[in-house]
Amino acid sequence: MMYKKQNLPELTLRGLILGSILTIIFTASNVYLGLKVGLTFSSSIPAVVISMAVLSLFKTSNILENNMVQTQASAAGTLSSVIFVIPGLFMCGYWSEFPLWQTFMICLCGG
C-alpha cells in the first residue's frame, strides 16, 4: 500500500494561542497547588486532552499541531517548579546574595 505524503502545518497561530492559554492556566494552577498543598501535577496529559478537544472543532487541525500545543503547555507548565527550587537554595544558604531581578527575569523568560 502506498501512502501519499502530506504537507501538514505544525506551527500555526491557533496552536500558539492555545498553547499560550494552556501554559498560563497550568503554570498558575501548579504554582497555587505547590504553595497551598506542597504538590504539583504533570500538565502533559491534561494539555493533550484539552488541545485535542479544542482543535477538533477546526477542520484543518492535525496531530502535529496538537503535539506542538502539548509540548508547549507541558514544557512551560514545569516552570512552576521554581517555587520549590529557589526558596530551597535560599534557605540552604547556597545564595548569599540573592539577585532578585536577575532571577525574576530568567524565570519570566522560561529558564
C-alpha atoms as a PDB file:
ATOM      1  CA  MET A   1       0.000   0.000   0.000  1.00  0.00           C
ATOM      2  CA  MET A   2       1.363   3.394  -0.982  1.00  0.00           C
ATOM      3  CA  TYR A   3       0.892   6.369   1.254  1.00  0.00           C
ATOM      4  CA  LYS A   4       0.574   9.844  -0.116  1.00  0.00           C
ATOM      5  CA  LYS A   5       2.912  12.266   1.604  1.00  0.00           C
ATOM      6  CA  GLN A   6       1.006  15.208   3.030  1.00  0.00           C
ATOM      7  CA  ASN A   7       2.357  18.601   3.893  1.00  0.00           C
ATOM      8  CA  LEU A   8       0.740  19.186   7.291  1.00  0.00           C
ATOM      9  CA  PRO A   9       1.227  22.502   9.109  1.00  0.00           C
ATOM     10  CA  GLU A  10       2.719  22.145  12.559  1.00  0.00           C
ATOM     11  CA  LEU A  11       3.358  25.671  13.791  1.00  0.00           C
ATOM     12  CA  THR A  12       0.135  27.650  13.441  1.00  0.00           C
ATOM     13  CA  LEU A  13      -1.227  30.785  15.050  1.00  0.00           C
ATOM     14  CA  ARG A  14      -4.135  28.966  16.686  1.00  0.00           C
ATOM     15  CA  GLY A  15      -1.698  26.398  18.076  1.00  0.00           C
ATOM     16  CA  LEU A  16       0.470  29.114  19.576  1.00  0.00           C
ATOM     17  CA  ILE A  17      -2.532  30.887  21.079  1.00  0.00           C
ATOM     18  CA  LEU A  18      -3.976  27.674  22.522  1.00  0.00           C
ATOM     19  CA  GLY A  19      -0.566  26.640  23.852  1.00  0.00           C
ATOM     20  CA  SER A  20      -0.106  30.033  25.499  1.00  0.00           C
ATOM     21  CA  ILE A  21      -3.519  29.874  27.148  1.00  0.00           C
ATOM     22  CA  LEU A  22      -2.889  26.353  28.444  1.00  0.00           C
ATOM     23  CA  THR A  23       0.557  27.404  29.640  1.00  0.00           C
ATOM     24  CA  ILE A  24      -0.845  30.272  31.692  1.00  0.00           C
ATOM     25  CA  ILE A  25      -3.590  28.105  33.185  1.00  0.00           C
ATOM     26  CA  PHE A  26      -1.363  25.144  34.071  1.00  0.00           C
ATOM     27  CA  THR A  27       1.501  27.252  35.403  1.00  0.00           C
ATOM     28  CA  ALA A  28      -0.835  29.282  37.611  1.00  0.00           C
ATOM     29  CA  SER A  29      -2.592  26.185  38.919  1.00  0.00           C
ATOM     30  CA  ASN A  30       0.710  24.401  39.562  1.00  0.00           C
ATOM     31  CA  VAL A  31       2.070  27.375  41.481  1.00  0.00           C
ATOM     32  CA  TYR A  32      -1.126  27.608  43.527  1.00  0.00           C
ATOM     33  CA  LEU A  33      -1.180  23.889  44.308  1.00  0.00           C
ATOM     34  CA  GLY A  34       2.533  23.876  45.046  1.00  0.00           C
ATOM     35  CA  LEU A  35       2.274  26.691  47.539  1.00  0.00           C
ATOM     36  CA  LYS A  36      -1.012  25.591  49.089  1.00  0.00           C
ATOM     37  CA  VAL A  37      -0.607  21.796  49.177  1.00  0.00           C
ATOM     38  CA  GLY A  38       3.098  21.268  48.510  1.00  0.00           C
ATOM     39  CA  LEU A  39       2.441  19.143  45.433  1.00  0.00           C
ATOM     40  CA  THR A  40       2.309  19.816  41.697  1.00  0.00           C
ATOM     41  CA  PHE A  41       0.995  17.795  38.775  1.00  0.00           C
ATOM     42  CA  SER A  42       2.272  16.975  35.322  1.00  0.00           C
ATOM     43  CA  SER A  43       0.473  19.090  32.770  1.00  0.00           C
ATOM     44  CA  SER A  44       1.276  16.876  29.794  1.00  0.00           C
ATOM     45  CA  ILE A  45      -1.794  14.620  29.730  1.00  0.00           C
ATOM     46  CA  PRO A  46      -4.361  17.334  30.565  1.00  0.00           C
ATOM     47  CA  ALA A  47      -2.795  19.521  27.860  1.00  0.00           C
ATOM     48  CA  VAL A  48      -3.182  16.736  25.285  1.00  0.00           C
ATOM     49  CA  VAL A  49      -6.808  16.099  26.177  1.00  0.00           C
ATOM     50  CA  ILE A  50      -7.784  19.774  26.171  1.00  0.00           C
ATOM     51  CA  SER A  51      -5.890  20.575  22.973  1.00  0.00           C
ATOM     52  CA  MET A  52      -7.424  17.574  21.183  1.00  0.00           C
ATOM     53  CA  ALA A  53     -10.887  18.703  22.245  1.00  0.00           C
ATOM     54  CA  VAL A  54     -10.362  22.309  21.183  1.00  0.00           C
ATOM     55  CA  LEU A  55      -8.521  21.549  17.940  1.00  0.00           C
ATOM     56  CA  SER A  56     -11.152  19.016  16.889  1.00  0.00           C
ATOM     57  CA  LEU A  57     -13.507  21.976  16.406  1.00  0.00           C
ATOM     58  CA  PHE A  58     -11.387  23.072  13.431  1.00  0.00           C
ATOM     59  CA  LYS A  59     -11.468  21.158  10.149  1.00  0.00           C
ATOM     60  CA  THR A  60      -7.826  21.719   9.277  1.00  0.00           C
ATOM     61  CA  SER A  61      -6.241  20.696  12.576  1.00  0.00           C
ATOM     62  CA  ASN A  62      -3.845  17.753  12.654  1.00  0.00           C
ATOM     63  CA  ILE A  63      -1.820  15.646  15.059  1.00  0.00           C
ATOM     64  CA  LEU A  64       1.367  17.683  14.560  1.00  0.00           C
ATOM     65  CA  GLU A  65      -0.379  20.847  15.669  1.00  0.00           C
ATOM     66  CA  ASN A  66      -1.763  19.010  18.691  1.00  0.00           C
ATOM     67  CA  ASN A  67       1.727  17.766  19.534  1.00  0.00           C
ATOM     68  CA  MET A  68       3.105  21.301  19.372  1.00  0.00           C
ATOM     69  CA  VAL A  69       0.400  22.605  21.741  1.00  0.00           C
ATOM     70  CA  GLN A  70       1.003  19.740  24.169  1.00  0.00           C
ATOM     71  CA  THR A  71       4.761  20.243  24.154  1.00  0.00           C
ATOM     72  CA  GLN A  72       4.431  23.978  24.713  1.00  0.00           C
ATOM     73  CA  ALA A  73       1.993  23.595  27.607  1.00  0.00           C
ATOM     74  CA  SER A  74       3.950  20.752  29.174  1.00  0.00           C
ATOM     75  CA  ALA A  75       7.327  22.479  28.996  1.00  0.00           C
ATOM     76  CA  ALA A  76       6.070  25.766  30.350  1.00  0.00           C
ATOM     77  CA  GLY A  77       3.944  24.063  32.992  1.00  0.00           C
ATOM     78  CA  THR A  78       7.071  22.632  34.569  1.00  0.00           C
ATOM     79  CA  LEU A  79       8.373  26.161  35.101  1.00  0.00           C
ATOM     80  CA  SER A  80       6.232  26.290  38.217  1.00  0.00           C
ATOM     81  CA  SER A  81       8.783  24.064  39.959  1.00  0.00           C
ATOM     82  CA  VAL A  82      10.727  27.266  40.532  1.00  0.00           C
ATOM     83  CA  ILE A  83       8.582  27.719  43.679  1.00  0.00           C
ATOM     84  CA  PHE A  84      10.467  24.791  45.225  1.00  0.00           C
ATOM     85  CA  VAL A  85      13.975  25.265  43.850  1.00  0.00           C
ATOM     86  CA  ILE A  86      14.640  28.941  44.523  1.00  0.00           C
ATOM     87  CA  PRO A  87      13.361  29.002  48.135  1.00  0.00           C
ATOM     88  CA  GLY A  88      15.255  25.767  48.818  1.00  0.00           C
ATOM     89  CA  LEU A  89      18.528  27.234  47.558  1.00  0.00           C
ATOM     90  CA  PHE A  90      17.903  30.392  49.550  1.00  0.00           C
ATOM     91  CA  MET A  91      17.110  28.541  52.812  1.00  0.00           C
ATOM     92  CA  CYS A  92      20.142  26.251  52.478  1.00  0.00           C
ATOM     93  CA  GLY A  93      22.374  29.293  52.282  1.00  0.00           C
ATOM     94  CA  TYR A  94      23.577  28.493  48.781  1.00  0.00           C
ATOM     95  CA  TRP A  95      22.879  32.044  47.695  1.00  0.00           C
ATOM     96  CA  SER A  96      24.460  34.584  49.993  1.00  0.00           C
ATOM     97  CA  GLU A  97      23.401  37.448  47.763  1.00  0.00           C
ATOM     98  CA  PHE A  98      20.007  36.969  46.180  1.00  0.00           C
ATOM     99  CA  PRO A  99      19.866  38.638  42.722  1.00  0.00           C
ATOM    100  CA  LEU A 100      16.097  39.138  42.782  1.00  0.00           C
ATOM    101  CA  TRP A 101      15.564  40.944  39.469  1.00  0.00           C
ATOM    102  CA  GLN A 102      18.004  38.787  37.540  1.00  0.00           C
ATOM    103  CA  THR A 103      16.340  35.622  38.854  1.00  0.00           C
ATOM    104  CA  PHE A 104      12.891  37.051  38.126  1.00  0.00           C
ATOM    105  CA  MET A 105      13.812  37.844  34.518  1.00  0.00           C
ATOM    106  CA  ILE A 106      15.351  34.404  33.964  1.00  0.00           C
ATOM    107  CA  CYS A 107      12.210  32.729  35.308  1.00  0.00           C
ATOM    108  CA  LEU A 108       9.999  35.044  33.267  1.00  0.00           C
ATOM    109  CA  CYS A 109      11.835  34.035  30.087  1.00  0.00           C
ATOM    110  CA  GLY A 110      11.272  30.375  30.859  1.00  0.00           C
ATOM    111  CA  GLY A 111      14.738  29.443  32.015  1.00  0.00           C
END
